[in-house]
Amino acid sequence: MQTIPAARPALAAAALALALTACTDVERFLNQGGDTPCSEYVRQDQDTKRITITKFVQEQQKSDAQPSGTAVDATMISVDLLCGVQRNAETPIRNADIAGIFLQR
């Protein structure tokens, strides 16, 4: 099958868009949510953190429904703060709390 030279950039753009969408879906599926250790969470980029926190909030709510942006933002701020000062870097984000700042878990 021979393609028209002008169609090649459009095909390349479509393939790239499909690949990026597939990566995000795979990342969401493989993401550990609340089981993500603080050490891993603090190294994630903002988009991956949002995916992690969204999954964590869904776990807390025991629902697959998309949580509100406010719930995700508030949880993200808390986890950012708590994981930043957590003594045990391997503490899962679901267990990151004020006591974890002082106690080894």
N, C-alpha and C. Protein backbone atom coordinates (compact mmCIF):
# COMPACT_ATOMS: atom_id res chain seq x y z
N MET A 1 0.84 -1.18 0.00
CA MET A 1 0.00 0.00 0.00
C MET A 1 0.89 1.24 0.00
N GLN A 2 0.63 2.10 -0.93
CA GLN A 2 1.41 3.31 -1.05
C GLN A 2 0.60 4.48 -0.51
N THR A 3 1.23 5.32 0.32
CA THR A 3 0.51 6.47 0.86
C THR A 3 0.93 7.73 0.11
N ILE A 4 0.06 8.67 0.09
CA ILE A 4 0.35 9.96 -0.52
C ILE A 4 1.30 10.70 0.43
N PRO A 5 2.39 11.26 -0.09
CA PRO A 5 3.38 11.92 0.77
C PRO A 5 2.77 12.94 1.73
N ALA A 6 1.77 13.68 1.32
CA ALA A 6 1.16 14.69 2.19
C ALA A 6 0.41 14.05 3.36
N ALA A 7 0.00 12.80 3.24
CA ALA A 7 -0.75 12.12 4.29
C ALA A 7 0.17 11.57 5.39
N ARG A 8 1.43 11.45 5.11
CA ARG A 8 2.36 10.87 6.09
C ARG A 8 2.40 11.65 7.41
N PRO A 9 2.50 12.99 7.39
CA PRO A 9 2.51 13.71 8.68
C PRO A 9 1.21 13.50 9.47
N ALA A 10 0.09 13.44 8.78
CA ALA A 10 -1.18 13.20 9.48
C ALA A 10 -1.21 11.82 10.09
N LEU A 11 -0.71 10.82 9.37
CA LEU A 11 -0.64 9.46 9.91
C LEU A 11 0.30 9.40 11.11
N ALA A 12 1.42 10.08 11.02
CA ALA A 12 2.37 10.10 12.13
C ALA A 12 1.76 10.76 13.36
N ALA A 13 1.05 11.87 13.15
CA ALA A 13 0.40 12.56 14.27
C ALA A 13 -0.67 11.68 14.90
N ALA A 14 -1.44 10.98 14.10
CA ALA A 14 -2.47 10.08 14.62
C ALA A 14 -1.85 8.94 15.41
N ALA A 15 -0.77 8.38 14.91
CA ALA A 15 -0.09 7.29 15.61
C ALA A 15 0.48 7.77 16.94
N LEU A 16 1.05 8.97 16.95
CA LEU A 16 1.60 9.54 18.18
C LEU A 16 0.49 9.78 19.20
N ALA A 17 -0.63 10.32 18.78
CA ALA A 17 -1.76 10.57 19.68
C ALA A 17 -2.26 9.27 20.28
N LEU A 18 -2.36 8.23 19.46
CA LEU A 18 -2.81 6.92 19.93
C LEU A 18 -1.82 6.35 20.94
N ALA A 19 -0.54 6.47 20.66
CA ALA A 19 0.49 5.96 21.58
C ALA A 19 0.45 6.69 22.91
N LEU A 20 0.29 8.02 22.89
CA LEU A 20 0.24 8.78 24.14
C LEU A 20 -1.00 8.43 24.95
N THR A 21 -2.13 8.24 24.31
CA THR A 21 -3.35 7.84 25.00
C THR A 21 -3.18 6.47 25.61
N ALA A 22 -2.59 5.56 24.88
CA ALA A 22 -2.38 4.20 25.38
C ALA A 22 -1.44 4.22 26.58
N CYS A 23 -0.40 5.05 26.56
CA CYS A 23 0.53 5.14 27.68
C CYS A 23 -0.19 5.62 28.94
N THR A 24 -1.05 6.62 28.81
CA THR A 24 -1.78 7.14 29.95
C THR A 24 -2.70 6.07 30.52
N ASP A 25 -3.38 5.32 29.67
CA ASP A 25 -4.27 4.26 30.13
C ASP A 25 -3.49 3.17 30.85
N VAL A 26 -2.34 2.80 30.31
CA VAL A 26 -1.50 1.78 30.94
C VAL A 26 -1.00 2.30 32.28
N GLU A 27 -0.57 3.56 32.31
CA GLU A 27 -0.08 4.16 33.55
C GLU A 27 -1.17 4.15 34.62
N ARG A 28 -2.40 4.49 34.23
CA ARG A 28 -3.51 4.47 35.19
C ARG A 28 -3.75 3.06 35.71
N PHE A 29 -3.68 2.08 34.83
CA PHE A 29 -3.93 0.69 35.22
C PHE A 29 -2.84 0.19 36.17
N LEU A 30 -1.59 0.49 35.88
CA LEU A 30 -0.48 -0.02 36.67
C LEU A 30 -0.22 0.78 37.95
N ASN A 31 -0.78 1.98 38.03
CA ASN A 31 -0.55 2.85 39.18
C ASN A 31 -1.03 2.18 40.46
N GLN A 32 -0.23 2.28 41.53
CA GLN A 32 -0.52 1.60 42.79
C GLN A 32 -1.47 2.36 43.71
N GLY A 33 -1.83 3.58 43.36
CA GLY A 33 -2.75 4.35 44.19
C GLY A 33 -2.22 4.50 45.60
N GLY A 34 -3.03 4.14 46.61
CA GLY A 34 -2.66 4.30 48.02
C GLY A 34 -1.49 3.45 48.46
N ASP A 35 -1.14 2.43 47.68
CA ASP A 35 0.01 1.58 48.02
C ASP A 35 1.34 2.15 47.53
N THR A 36 1.30 3.27 46.84
CA THR A 36 2.51 3.91 46.34
C THR A 36 3.35 4.40 47.53
N PRO A 37 4.60 3.97 47.64
CA PRO A 37 5.43 4.46 48.74
C PRO A 37 5.76 5.94 48.55
N CYS A 38 5.92 6.64 49.67
CA CYS A 38 6.27 8.06 49.61
C CYS A 38 7.51 8.31 48.76
N SER A 39 8.50 7.42 48.86
CA SER A 39 9.74 7.61 48.10
C SER A 39 9.47 7.65 46.60
N GLU A 40 8.54 6.85 46.13
CA GLU A 40 8.18 6.84 44.72
C GLU A 40 7.30 8.04 44.38
N TYR A 41 6.35 8.34 45.26
CA TYR A 41 5.41 9.44 45.02
C TYR A 41 6.14 10.77 44.82
N VAL A 42 7.11 11.07 45.68
CA VAL A 42 7.78 12.38 45.60
C VAL A 42 8.62 12.52 44.33
N ARG A 43 8.95 11.42 43.67
CA ARG A 43 9.72 11.47 42.41
C ARG A 43 8.81 11.59 41.18
N GLN A 44 7.51 11.42 41.34
CA GLN A 44 6.59 11.46 40.20
C GLN A 44 6.41 12.90 39.71
N ASP A 45 6.13 13.03 38.39
CA ASP A 45 5.79 14.34 37.87
C ASP A 45 4.35 14.68 38.27
N GLN A 46 3.94 15.92 38.06
CA GLN A 46 2.61 16.38 38.51
C GLN A 46 1.47 15.55 37.93
N ASP A 47 1.55 15.19 36.66
CA ASP A 47 0.48 14.41 36.03
C ASP A 47 0.38 13.03 36.66
N THR A 48 1.51 12.39 36.91
CA THR A 48 1.50 11.06 37.51
C THR A 48 1.02 11.13 38.95
N LYS A 49 1.41 12.18 39.67
CA LYS A 49 0.91 12.37 41.03
C LYS A 49 -0.61 12.48 41.03
N ARG A 50 -1.15 13.23 40.07
CA ARG A 50 -2.61 13.40 40.00
C ARG A 50 -3.28 12.06 39.74
N ILE A 51 -2.70 11.23 38.88
CA ILE A 51 -3.25 9.89 38.62
C ILE A 51 -3.21 9.06 39.90
N THR A 52 -2.07 9.11 40.61
CA THR A 52 -1.90 8.36 41.85
C THR A 52 -2.93 8.79 42.89
N ILE A 53 -3.07 10.08 43.08
CA ILE A 53 -4.00 10.60 44.09
C ILE A 53 -5.44 10.32 43.69
N THR A 54 -5.77 10.45 42.41
CA THR A 54 -7.13 10.15 41.96
C THR A 54 -7.48 8.70 42.28
N LYS A 55 -6.55 7.79 41.98
CA LYS A 55 -6.80 6.38 42.26
C LYS A 55 -6.92 6.15 43.77
N PHE A 56 -6.08 6.82 44.55
CA PHE A 56 -6.13 6.70 46.01
C PHE A 56 -7.48 7.19 46.55
N VAL A 57 -7.96 8.33 46.07
CA VAL A 57 -9.26 8.86 46.52
C VAL A 57 -10.38 7.89 46.13
N GLN A 58 -10.30 7.34 44.94
CA GLN A 58 -11.30 6.35 44.53
C GLN A 58 -11.28 5.13 45.46
N GLU A 59 -10.09 4.71 45.87
CA GLU A 59 -9.97 3.58 46.81
C GLU A 59 -10.62 3.94 48.14
N GLN A 60 -10.37 5.16 48.63
CA GLN A 60 -10.94 5.60 49.90
C GLN A 60 -12.46 5.66 49.82
N GLN A 61 -12.98 6.11 48.69
CA GLN A 61 -14.43 6.25 48.51
C GLN A 61 -15.09 4.95 48.07
N LYS A 62 -14.25 3.93 47.82
CA LYS A 62 -14.74 2.65 47.32
C LYS A 62 -15.67 2.83 46.12
N SER A 63 -15.14 3.62 45.16
CA SER A 63 -15.93 3.95 43.97
C SER A 63 -15.00 4.14 42.78
N ASP A 64 -15.48 3.75 41.60
CA ASP A 64 -14.73 3.99 40.37
C ASP A 64 -15.08 5.34 39.75
N ALA A 65 -16.04 6.05 40.38
CA ALA A 65 -16.44 7.35 39.86
C ALA A 65 -15.28 8.34 39.99
N GLN A 66 -15.20 9.25 39.04
CA GLN A 66 -14.16 10.27 39.05
C GLN A 66 -14.39 11.18 40.25
N PRO A 67 -13.42 11.29 41.18
CA PRO A 67 -13.60 12.19 42.33
C PRO A 67 -13.55 13.65 41.90
N SER A 68 -14.09 14.51 42.75
CA SER A 68 -14.07 15.94 42.42
C SER A 68 -12.63 16.45 42.39
N GLY A 69 -12.42 17.47 41.61
CA GLY A 69 -11.10 18.08 41.52
C GLY A 69 -10.66 18.63 42.87
N THR A 70 -11.61 19.13 43.66
CA THR A 70 -11.30 19.66 44.98
C THR A 70 -10.78 18.56 45.90
N ALA A 71 -11.42 17.39 45.86
CA ALA A 71 -10.98 16.26 46.70
C ALA A 71 -9.58 15.81 46.30
N VAL A 72 -9.32 15.75 45.00
CA VAL A 72 -8.00 15.34 44.51
C VAL A 72 -6.96 16.38 44.90
N ASP A 73 -7.26 17.67 44.70
CA ASP A 73 -6.32 18.74 45.04
C ASP A 73 -5.98 18.75 46.53
N ALA A 74 -6.99 18.64 47.38
CA ALA A 74 -6.77 18.67 48.83
C ALA A 74 -5.94 17.47 49.28
N THR A 75 -6.25 16.30 48.73
CA THR A 75 -5.50 15.10 49.09
C THR A 75 -4.06 15.20 48.60
N MET A 76 -3.89 15.75 47.41
CA MET A 76 -2.56 15.91 46.84
C MET A 76 -1.70 16.83 47.71
N ILE A 77 -2.27 17.91 48.19
CA ILE A 77 -1.54 18.84 49.05
C ILE A 77 -1.13 18.13 50.34
N SER A 78 -2.05 17.39 50.93
CA SER A 78 -1.75 16.67 52.18
C SER A 78 -0.65 15.64 51.98
N VAL A 79 -0.77 14.84 50.92
CA VAL A 79 0.22 13.79 50.67
C VAL A 79 1.57 14.41 50.32
N ASP A 80 1.59 15.49 49.54
CA ASP A 80 2.86 16.18 49.24
C ASP A 80 3.55 16.61 50.53
N LEU A 81 2.78 17.23 51.42
CA LEU A 81 3.34 17.71 52.68
C LEU A 81 3.81 16.55 53.55
N LEU A 82 2.96 15.56 53.74
CA LEU A 82 3.29 14.46 54.64
C LEU A 82 4.41 13.57 54.11
N CYS A 83 4.41 13.29 52.82
CA CYS A 83 5.48 12.46 52.26
C CYS A 83 6.81 13.22 52.24
N GLY A 84 6.74 14.53 52.16
CA GLY A 84 7.96 15.33 52.16
C GLY A 84 8.71 15.27 53.48
N VAL A 85 8.00 14.97 54.58
CA VAL A 85 8.63 14.95 55.90
C VAL A 85 8.54 13.58 56.57
N GLN A 86 8.08 12.58 55.85
CA GLN A 86 7.91 11.23 56.39
C GLN A 86 9.27 10.63 56.73
N ARG A 87 9.43 10.11 57.94
CA ARG A 87 10.71 9.51 58.34
C ARG A 87 11.00 8.24 57.55
N ASN A 88 9.98 7.41 57.34
CA ASN A 88 10.18 6.17 56.60
C ASN A 88 9.70 6.40 55.17
N ALA A 89 10.62 6.51 54.25
CA ALA A 89 10.30 6.81 52.85
C ALA A 89 9.48 5.71 52.19
N GLU A 90 9.47 4.52 52.76
CA GLU A 90 8.72 3.41 52.17
C GLU A 90 7.28 3.34 52.68
N THR A 91 6.86 4.30 53.51
CA THR A 91 5.48 4.36 53.98
C THR A 91 4.57 4.57 52.79
N PRO A 92 3.54 3.72 52.62
CA PRO A 92 2.58 3.95 51.53
C PRO A 92 1.84 5.27 51.77
N ILE A 93 1.46 5.93 50.70
CA ILE A 93 0.80 7.24 50.86
C ILE A 93 -0.47 7.12 51.68
N ARG A 94 -1.13 5.98 51.66
CA ARG A 94 -2.36 5.83 52.46
C ARG A 94 -2.06 5.90 53.95
N ASN A 95 -0.81 5.63 54.35
CA ASN A 95 -0.44 5.65 55.76
C ASN A 95 0.37 6.88 56.14
N ALA A 96 0.61 7.76 55.19
CA ALA A 96 1.36 8.98 55.50
C ALA A 96 0.46 9.86 56.37
N ASP A 97 0.93 10.13 57.57
CA ASP A 97 0.15 10.95 58.48
C ASP A 97 1.07 11.69 59.43
N ILE A 98 0.49 12.50 60.28
CA ILE A 98 1.28 13.31 61.20
C ILE A 98 2.14 12.43 62.10
N ALA A 99 1.60 11.31 62.59
CA ALA A 99 2.38 10.42 63.46
C ALA A 99 3.59 9.88 62.70
N GLY A 100 3.44 9.66 61.40
CA GLY A 100 4.53 9.12 60.60
C GLY A 100 5.71 10.06 60.47
N ILE A 101 5.50 11.32 60.78
CA ILE A 101 6.60 12.27 60.76
C ILE A 101 7.58 11.93 61.89
N PHE A 102 7.03 11.47 63.01
CA PHE A 102 7.84 11.23 64.22
C PHE A 102 8.15 9.76 64.44
N LEU A 103 7.29 8.87 63.99
CA LEU A 103 7.44 7.45 64.27
C LEU A 103 7.87 6.69 63.02
N GLN A 104 8.74 5.74 63.21
CA GLN A 104 9.15 4.87 62.11
C GLN A 104 8.05 3.85 61.88
N ARG A 105 7.55 3.72 60.67
CA ARG A 105 6.51 2.73 60.37
C ARG A 105 7.07 1.61 59.56
